[in-house]
C-alpha atoms as a PDB file:
ATOM      1  CA  UNK A   1     102.141  12.636  43.460  1.00  0.00           C
ATOM      2  CA  UNK A   2     104.506   9.701  43.369  1.00  0.00           C
ATOM      3  CA  UNK A   3     105.441   8.066  46.619  1.00  0.00           C
ATOM      4  CA  UNK A   4     109.215   8.182  47.060  1.00  0.00           C
ATOM      5  CA  UNK A   5     111.746   6.131  48.980  1.00  0.00           C
ATOM      6  CA  UNK A   6     114.562   7.669  50.970  1.00  0.00           C
ATOM      7  CA  UNK A   7     117.366   6.451  48.708  1.00  0.00           C
ATOM      8  CA  UNK A   8     118.795   8.287  45.721  1.00  0.00           C
ATOM      9  CA  UNK A   9     117.319   5.525  43.642  1.00  0.00           C
ATOM     10  CA  UNK A  10     113.779   6.629  44.413  1.00  0.00           C
ATOM     11  CA  UNK A  11     110.991   4.193  43.416  1.00  0.00           C
ATOM     12  CA  UNK A  12     107.742   5.721  42.171  1.00  0.00           C
ATOM     13  CA  UNK A  13     104.452   4.025  41.376  1.00  0.00           C
ATOM     14  CA  UNK A  14     101.599   6.335  40.380  1.00  0.00           C
ATOM     15  CA  UNK A  15     101.121   9.645  38.607  1.00  0.00           C
ATOM     16  CA  UNK A  16      98.503  12.209  39.604  1.00  0.00           C
ATOM     17  CA  UNK A  17      97.432  15.357  37.864  1.00  0.00           C
ATOM     18  CA  UNK A  18      97.834  18.681  39.677  1.00  0.00           C
ATOM     19  CA  UNK A  19      96.033  21.906  38.801  1.00  0.00           C
ATOM     20  CA  UNK A  20      94.135  22.721  35.641  1.00  0.00           C
ATOM     21  CA  UNK A  21      95.579  22.384  32.170  1.00  0.00           C
ATOM     22  CA  UNK A  22      95.937  25.667  30.376  1.00  0.00           C
ATOM     23  CA  UNK A  23      96.517  26.578  26.734  1.00  0.00           C
ATOM     24  CA  UNK A  24      99.372  29.049  27.214  1.00  0.00           C
ATOM     25  CA  UNK A  25     102.997  28.177  26.630  1.00  0.00           C
ATOM     26  CA  UNK A  26     105.207  27.585  29.719  1.00  0.00           C
ATOM     27  CA  UNK A  27     106.927  30.668  31.108  1.00  0.00           C
ATOM     28  CA  UNK A  28     109.945  28.821  32.545  1.00  0.00           C
ATOM     29  CA  UNK A  29     113.470  28.733  31.255  1.00  0.00           C
ATOM     30  CA  UNK A  30     112.822  26.644  28.134  1.00  0.00           C
ATOM     31  CA  UNK A  31     116.273  27.344  26.694  1.00  0.00           C
ATOM     32  CA  UNK A  32     118.109  25.676  29.595  1.00  0.00           C
ATOM     33  CA  UNK A  33     119.840  22.350  29.192  1.00  0.00           C
ATOM     34  CA  UNK A  34     118.189  19.345  30.785  1.00  0.00           C
ATOM     35  CA  UNK A  35     118.604  19.100  34.561  1.00  0.00           C
ATOM     36  CA  UNK A  36     117.253  15.547  34.627  1.00  0.00           C
ATOM     37  CA  UNK A  37     117.861  12.919  31.953  1.00  0.00           C
ATOM     38  CA  UNK A  38     114.904  10.715  31.031  1.00  0.00           C
ATOM     39  CA  UNK A  39     115.710   7.261  29.681  1.00  0.00           C
ATOM     40  CA  UNK A  40     113.766   5.812  26.768  1.00  0.00           C
ATOM     41  CA  UNK A  41     112.003   3.238  28.997  1.00  0.00           C
ATOM     42  CA  UNK A  42     110.964   5.916  31.483  1.00  0.00           C
ATOM     43  CA  UNK A  43     109.707   8.145  28.687  1.00  0.00           C
ATOM     44  CA  UNK A  44     107.535   5.335  27.328  1.00  0.00           C
ATOM     45  CA  UNK A  45     105.948   4.711  30.730  1.00  0.00           C
ATOM     46  CA  UNK A  46     105.290   8.417  31.305  1.00  0.00           C
ATOM     47  CA  UNK A  47     103.865   8.952  27.822  1.00  0.00           C
ATOM     48  CA  UNK A  48     101.633   5.917  28.263  1.00  0.00           C
ATOM     49  CA  UNK A  49     100.228   7.351  31.495  1.00  0.00           C
ATOM     50  CA  UNK A  50      99.932  10.820  29.976  1.00  0.00           C
ATOM     51  CA  UNK A  51      97.868   9.478  27.096  1.00  0.00           C
ATOM     52  CA  UNK A  52      95.114   8.552  29.574  1.00  0.00           C
ATOM     53  CA  UNK A  53      94.838  12.133  30.877  1.00  0.00           C
ATOM     54  CA  UNK A  54      92.341  14.732  29.783  1.00  0.00           C
ATOM     55  CA  UNK A  55      93.970  17.597  27.882  1.00  0.00           C
ATOM     56  CA  UNK A  56      97.162  15.562  27.669  1.00  0.00           C
ATOM     57  CA  UNK A  57      98.622  17.987  25.169  1.00  0.00           C
ATOM     58  CA  UNK A  58      98.608  20.777  27.769  1.00  0.00           C
ATOM     59  CA  UNK A  59     100.269  18.761  30.527  1.00  0.00           C
ATOM     60  CA  UNK A  60     103.928  18.394  31.443  1.00  0.00           C
ATOM     61  CA  UNK A  61     105.745  16.010  33.755  1.00  0.00           C
ATOM     62  CA  UNK A  62     106.896  17.861  36.862  1.00  0.00           C
ATOM     63  CA  UNK A  63     109.644  16.539  39.091  1.00  0.00           C
ATOM     64  CA  UNK A  64     110.672  18.240  42.320  1.00  0.00           C
ATOM     65  CA  UNK A  65     112.301  17.498  45.662  1.00  0.00           C
ATOM     66  CA  UNK A  66     109.583  17.300  48.327  1.00  0.00           C
ATOM     67  CA  UNK A  67     111.808  16.877  51.332  1.00  0.00           C
ATOM     68  CA  UNK A  68     114.386  14.624  52.978  1.00  0.00           C
ATOM     69  CA  UNK A  69     113.877  11.082  54.223  1.00  0.00           C
ATOM     70  CA  UNK A  70     116.765   9.453  56.004  1.00  0.00           C
ATOM     71  CA  UNK A  71     119.943  10.537  54.264  1.00  0.00           C
ATOM     72  CA  UNK A  72     118.437  11.176  50.839  1.00  0.00           C
ATOM     73  CA  UNK A  73     115.927  13.348  49.042  1.00  0.00           C
ATOM     74  CA  UNK A  74     112.264  12.435  48.577  1.00  0.00           C
ATOM     75  CA  UNK A  75     110.469  13.464  45.388  1.00  0.00           C
ATOM     76  CA  UNK A  76     107.116  14.434  43.881  1.00  0.00           C
ATOM     77  CA  UNK A  77     106.528  13.373  40.287  1.00  0.00           C
ATOM     78  CA  UNK A  78     103.209  14.420  38.742  1.00  0.00           C
ATOM     79  CA  UNK A  79     101.378  15.845  35.711  1.00  0.00           C
ATOM     80  CA  UNK A  80     100.514  19.527  35.762  1.00  0.00           C
ATOM     81  CA  UNK A  81      99.791  22.177  33.165  1.00  0.00           C
ATOM     82  CA  UNK A  82     102.976  23.255  31.362  1.00  0.00           C
ATOM     83  CA  UNK A  83     101.653  26.819  31.428  1.00  0.00           C
ATOM     84  CA  UNK A  84     102.027  26.832  35.231  1.00  0.00           C
ATOM     85  CA  UNK A  85     105.818  27.052  34.918  1.00  0.00           C
ATOM     86  CA  UNK A  86     107.317  30.201  36.420  1.00  0.00           C
ATOM     87  CA  UNK A  87     110.428  32.119  35.394  1.00  0.00           C
ATOM     88  CA  UNK A  88     113.360  30.200  36.847  1.00  0.00           C
ATOM     89  CA  UNK A  89     111.725  26.800  36.444  1.00  0.00           C
ATOM     90  CA  UNK A  90     113.641  24.643  33.988  1.00  0.00           C
ATOM     91  CA  UNK A  91     111.515  23.414  31.068  1.00  0.00           C
ATOM     92  CA  UNK A  92     112.997  20.717  28.824  1.00  0.00           C
ATOM     93  CA  UNK A  93     111.239  19.189  25.845  1.00  0.00           C
ATOM     94  CA  UNK A  94     112.583  15.947  24.346  1.00  0.00           C
ATOM     95  CA  UNK A  95     110.874  13.474  22.025  1.00  0.00           C
ATOM     96  CA  UNK A  96     107.459  14.896  22.728  1.00  0.00           C
ATOM     97  CA  UNK A  97     107.763  14.914  26.523  1.00  0.00           C
ATOM     98  CA  UNK A  98     107.924  18.184  28.458  1.00  0.00           C
ATOM     99  CA  UNK A  99     109.741  17.879  31.782  1.00  0.00           C
ATOM    100  CA  UNK A 100     109.657  20.754  34.282  1.00  0.00           C
ATOM    101  CA  UNK A 101     111.867  21.070  37.333  1.00  0.00           C
ATOM    102  CA  UNK A 102     110.825  23.907  39.649  1.00  0.00           C
ATOM    103  CA  UNK A 103     113.559  26.435  40.368  1.00  0.00           C
ATOM    104  CA  UNK A 104     113.783  25.403  44.046  1.00  0.00           C
ATOM    105  CA  UNK A 105     114.737  21.835  43.048  1.00  0.00           C
ATOM    106  CA  UNK A 106     117.185  22.538  40.232  1.00  0.00           C
ATOM    107  CA  UNK A 107     120.325  22.300  42.360  1.00  0.00           C
ATOM    108  CA  UNK A 108     119.234  19.112  44.140  1.00  0.00           C
ATOM    109  CA  UNK A 109     118.256  17.356  40.885  1.00  0.00           C
ATOM    110  CA  UNK A 110     121.000  18.481  38.526  1.00  0.00           C
ATOM    111  CA  UNK A 111     122.580  15.403  36.963  1.00  0.00           C
ATOM    112  CA  UNK A 112     119.811  13.030  38.080  1.00  0.00           C
ATOM    113  CA  UNK A 113     118.214  10.408  35.807  1.00  0.00           C
ATOM    114  CA  UNK A 114     114.569   9.309  35.611  1.00  0.00           C
ATOM    115  CA  UNK A 115     114.835   5.607  34.860  1.00  0.00           C
ATOM    116  CA  UNK A 116     112.905   2.339  35.268  1.00  0.00           C
ATOM    117  CA  UNK A 117     113.561  -0.329  37.899  1.00  0.00           C
ATOM    118  CA  UNK A 118     112.347  -3.928  37.613  1.00  0.00           C
ATOM    119  CA  UNK A 119     112.804  -4.585  41.324  1.00  0.00           C
ATOM    120  CA  UNK A 120     109.733  -6.172  42.879  1.00  0.00           C
ATOM    121  CA  UNK A 121     108.749  -7.961  39.693  1.00  0.00           C
ATOM    122  CA  UNK A 122     107.044  -4.985  38.025  1.00  0.00           C
ATOM    123  CA  UNK A 123     108.719  -2.048  36.245  1.00  0.00           C
ATOM    124  CA  UNK A 124     108.440   1.246  38.089  1.00  0.00           C
ATOM    125  CA  UNK A 125     109.898   4.721  37.669  1.00  0.00           C
ATOM    126  CA  UNK A 126     112.946   5.578  39.766  1.00  0.00           C
ATOM    127  CA  UNK A 127     114.938   8.757  40.296  1.00  0.00           C
ATOM    128  CA  UNK A 128     118.655   8.013  40.344  1.00  0.00           C
ATOM    129  CA  UNK A 129     120.198  11.103  41.924  1.00  0.00           C
ATOM    130  CA  UNK A 130     123.936  11.616  42.487  1.00  0.00           C
ATOM    131  CA  UNK A 131     123.118  14.425  44.938  1.00  0.00           C
ATOM    132  CA  UNK A 132     122.380  13.985  48.616  1.00  0.00           C
ATOM    133  CA  UNK A 133     121.393  16.379  51.423  1.00  0.00           C
ATOM    134  CA  UNK A 134     124.165  17.828  53.498  1.00  0.00           C
ATOM    135  CA  UNK A 135     124.658  16.490  56.943  1.00  0.00           C
ATOM    136  CA  UNK A 136     123.042  19.615  58.371  1.00  0.00           C
ATOM    137  CA  UNK A 137     119.963  19.263  56.172  1.00  0.00           C
ATOM    138  CA  UNK A 138     119.650  15.543  56.936  1.00  0.00           C
ATOM    139  CA  UNK A 139     119.889  16.220  60.627  1.00  0.00           C
ATOM    140  CA  UNK A 140     117.227  18.938  60.512  1.00  0.00           C
ATOM    141  CA  UNK A 141     114.904  16.546  58.663  1.00  0.00           C
ATOM    142  CA  UNK A 142     115.246  13.924  61.369  1.00  0.00           C
ATOM    143  CA  UNK A 143     117.862  11.796  59.585  1.00  0.00           C
ATOM    144  CA  UNK A 144     120.201   9.496  61.391  1.00  0.00           C
ATOM    145  CA  UNK A 145     117.739   8.290  64.034  1.00  0.00           C
ATOM    146  CA  UNK A 146     119.741   6.479  66.694  1.00  0.00           C
ATOM    147  CA  UNK A 147     123.018   7.820  65.265  1.00  0.00           C
ATOM    148  CA  UNK A 148     124.854  10.402  67.331  1.00  0.00           C
ATOM    149  CA  UNK A 149     126.124  13.005  64.880  1.00  0.00           C
ATOM    150  CA  UNK A 150     127.651  14.894  67.813  1.00  0.00           C
ATOM    151  CA  UNK A 151     130.161  12.064  68.164  1.00  0.00           C
ATOM    152  CA  UNK A 152     133.348  13.031  66.281  1.00  0.00           C
ATOM    153  CA  UNK A 153     134.010   9.503  64.983  1.00  0.00           C
ATOM    154  CA  UNK A 154     130.433   9.107  63.718  1.00  0.00           C
ATOM    155  CA  UNK A 155     130.500  12.508  62.081  1.00  0.00           C
ATOM    156  CA  UNK A 156     133.719  11.664  60.240  1.00  0.00           C
ATOM    157  CA  UNK A 157     132.156   8.409  58.977  1.00  0.00           C
ATOM    158  CA  UNK A 158     128.989  10.147  57.752  1.00  0.00           C
ATOM    159  CA  UNK A 159     131.050  12.855  56.085  1.00  0.00           C
ATOM    160  CA  UNK A 160     133.142  10.250  54.251  1.00  0.00           C
ATOM    161  CA  UNK A 161     130.010   8.450  53.098  1.00  0.00           C
ATOM    162  CA  UNK A 162     128.348  11.641  51.851  1.00  0.00           C
ATOM    163  CA  UNK A 163     131.411  13.254  50.240  1.00  0.00           C
ATOM    164  CA  UNK A 164     133.399  10.267  48.928  1.00  0.00           C
ATOM    165  CA  UNK A 165     131.573   6.927  48.992  1.00  0.00           C
ATOM    166  CA  UNK A 166     128.088   7.825  47.704  1.00  0.00           C
ATOM    167  CA  UNK A 167     129.254  10.052  44.848  1.00  0.00           C
ATOM    168  CA  UNK A 168     131.480   7.157  43.661  1.00  0.00           C
ATOM    169  CA  UNK A 169     128.659   4.549  43.575  1.00  0.00           C
ATOM    170  CA  UNK A 170     125.879   6.888  42.492  1.00  0.00           C
ATOM    171  CA  UNK A 171     126.658   6.251  38.800  1.00  0.00           C
ATOM    172  CA  UNK A 172     124.811   2.899  39.036  1.00  0.00           C
ATOM    173  CA  UNK A 173     122.146   4.125  41.462  1.00  0.00           C
ATOM    174  CA  UNK A 174     123.907   2.832  44.553  1.00  0.00           C
ATOM    175  CA  UNK A 175     124.028   4.306  48.029  1.00  0.00           C
ATOM    176  CA  UNK A 176     125.501   3.362  51.392  1.00  0.00           C
ATOM    177  CA  UNK A 177     123.916   4.575  54.620  1.00  0.00           C
ATOM    178  CA  UNK A 178     125.188   4.322  58.167  1.00  0.00           C
ATOM    179  CA  UNK A 179     123.093   2.031  60.374  1.00  0.00           C
ATOM    180  CA  UNK A 180     125.236   1.940  63.494  1.00  0.00           C
ATOM    181  CA  UNK A 181     128.716   2.400  64.930  1.00  0.00           C
ATOM    182  CA  UNK A 182     129.800   0.005  67.658  1.00  0.00           C
ATOM    183  CA  UNK A 183     133.227   0.733  69.092  1.00  0.00           C
ATOM    184  CA  UNK A 184     135.304   0.917  65.870  1.00  0.00           C
ATOM    185  CA  UNK A 185     133.027  -1.267  63.688  1.00  0.00           C
ATOM    186  CA  UNK A 186     130.759   0.354  61.115  1.00  0.00           C
ATOM    187  CA  UNK A 187     127.435  -1.170  60.022  1.00  0.00           C
ATOM    188  CA  UNK A 188     126.196  -0.062  56.588  1.00  0.00           C
ATOM    189  CA  UNK A 189     123.033  -0.640  54.585  1.00  0.00           C
ATOM    190  CA  UNK A 190     123.349  -0.577  50.783  1.00  0.00           C
ATOM    191  CA  UNK A 191     120.461   0.458  48.590  1.00  0.00           C
ATOM    192  CA  UNK A 192     119.608   1.227  44.985  1.00  0.00           C
ATOM    193  CA  UNK A 193     121.931  -0.348  42.443  1.00  0.00           C
ATOM    194  CA  UNK A 194     124.053  -1.911  45.192  1.00  0.00           C
ATOM    195  CA  UNK A 195     121.173  -3.828  46.822  1.00  0.00           C
ATOM    196  CA  UNK A 196     121.006  -7.364  45.475  1.00  0.00           C
ATOM    197  CA  UNK A 197     123.970  -6.751  43.216  1.00  0.00           C
ATOM    198  CA  UNK A 198     126.303  -9.751  42.797  1.00  0.00           C
ATOM    199  CA  UNK A 199     129.250  -7.393  43.070  1.00  0.00           C
ATOM    200  CA  UNK A 200     128.105  -5.821  46.341  1.00  0.00           C
ATOM    201  CA  UNK A 201     130.703  -7.741  48.380  1.00  0.00           C
ATOM    202  CA  UNK A 202     133.505  -6.521  46.128  1.00  0.00           C
ATOM    203  CA  UNK A 203     132.079  -2.975  46.160  1.00  0.00           C
ATOM    204  CA  UNK A 204     132.159  -3.072  49.950  1.00  0.00           C
ATOM    205  CA  UNK A 205     135.632  -4.597  50.458  1.00  0.00           C
ATOM    206  CA  UNK A 206     137.447  -3.023  47.523  1.00  0.00           C
ATOM    207  CA  UNK A 207     135.708   0.342  47.369  1.00  0.00           C
ATOM    208  CA  UNK A 208     133.659   1.466  50.348  1.00  0.00           C
ATOM    209  CA  UNK A 209     135.834  -0.085  53.052  1.00  0.00           C
ATOM    210  CA  UNK A 210     139.023   1.268  51.510  1.00  0.00           C
ATOM    211  CA  UNK A 211     137.631   4.781  51.372  1.00  0.00           C
ATOM    212  CA  UNK A 212     136.326   4.647  54.944  1.00  0.00           C
ATOM    213  CA  UNK A 213     139.557   3.264  56.347  1.00  0.00           C
ATOM    214  CA  UNK A 214     141.563   5.956  54.615  1.00  0.00           C
ATOM    215  CA  UNK A 215     139.231   8.650  55.951  1.00  0.00           C
ATOM    216  CA  UNK A 216     138.914   7.126  59.424  1.00  0.00           C
ATOM    217  CA  UNK A 217     142.076   5.022  60.068  1.00  0.00           C
ATOM    218  CA  UNK A 218     140.926   3.813  63.492  1.00  0.00           C
ATOM    219  CA  UNK A 219     138.109   1.728  62.027  1.00  0.00           C
ATOM    220  CA  UNK A 220     138.582  -2.007  62.485  1.00  0.00           C
ATOM    221  CA  UNK A 221     135.607  -3.340  60.542  1.00  0.00           C
ATOM    222  CA  UNK A 222     132.942  -2.464  57.986  1.00  0.00           C
ATOM    223  CA  UNK A 223     129.876  -4.736  57.937  1.00  0.00           C
ATOM    224  CA  UNK A 224     127.154  -4.884  55.250  1.00  0.00           C
ATOM    225  CA  UNK A 225     123.797  -5.480  56.939  1.00  0.00           C
ATOM    226  CA  UNK A 226     121.712  -5.301  53.744  1.00  0.00           C
ATOM    227  CA  UNK A 227     119.225  -8.096  52.942  1.00  0.00           C
ATOM    228  CA  UNK A 228     120.374  -8.574  49.333  1.00  0.00           C
ATOM    229  CA  UNK A 229     118.003 -11.494  48.801  1.00  0.00           C
ATOM    230  CA  UNK A 230     114.757  -9.717  49.534  1.00  0.00           C
ATOM    231  CA  UNK A 231     115.519  -6.035  49.192  1.00  0.00           C
ATOM    232  CA  UNK A 232     114.052  -5.222  52.607  1.00  0.00           C
ATOM    233  CA  UNK A 233     114.503  -5.850  56.349  1.00  0.00           C
ATOM    234  CA  UNK A 234     118.214  -5.688  57.227  1.00  0.00           C
ATOM    235  CA  UNK A 235     120.009  -8.519  59.017  1.00  0.00           C
ATOM    236  CA  UNK A 236     120.941  -6.130  61.792  1.00  0.00           C
ATOM    237  CA  UNK A 237     119.223  -3.305  63.627  1.00  0.00           C
ATOM    238  CA  UNK A 238     120.881  -1.378  66.491  1.00  0.00           C
ATOM    239  CA  UNK A 239     119.478  -2.229  69.902  1.00  0.00           C
END
């Protein structure tokens, strides 16, 4: 299982093998179009790891949503026998790599990309997903700790982020999450492709802030609290 972060650009580090490899062909929906796109760099990393596995020819790469962390999905990425696929699972074969998305995760992963990130100095697999949990799902998973989603103003801000802002910046793996609301000032943390990006200030002032002010006219300020230099530990945490 790959450890996942709570952003749509989900960093992964290790691959494990689940179950026992079988010789039968997968039962899943092999004729379906790809739910997840795999970049060439990601395919090379996966195939390199797969080559070290016993019965590599019987294994597929499985990718599924394992839950919700914060305001985004968490993932499991692992090797398992291709023959374990069930009807309804999406099986996609491309350039010698079989990728299986279990039926329960198809909707959450449709349109996502398995890519490689060089953040941290070493390349690692990331899931760049344009989809995010609904406010109700995020709340049930314990999202928004310290954020009062019963407050009408806060709920309007979160809705604008989920429905307008994040879909618009997801194309480059970016995401904006609400950290705090103080009076009419919003504090956001950027992640994924927006964290450390030289254009983050322009993205905030010309894109995110414009969208939020249109959706919530009473806002007087939008503040980026992301540590763009180190990729961790924000400049601000609510008291």
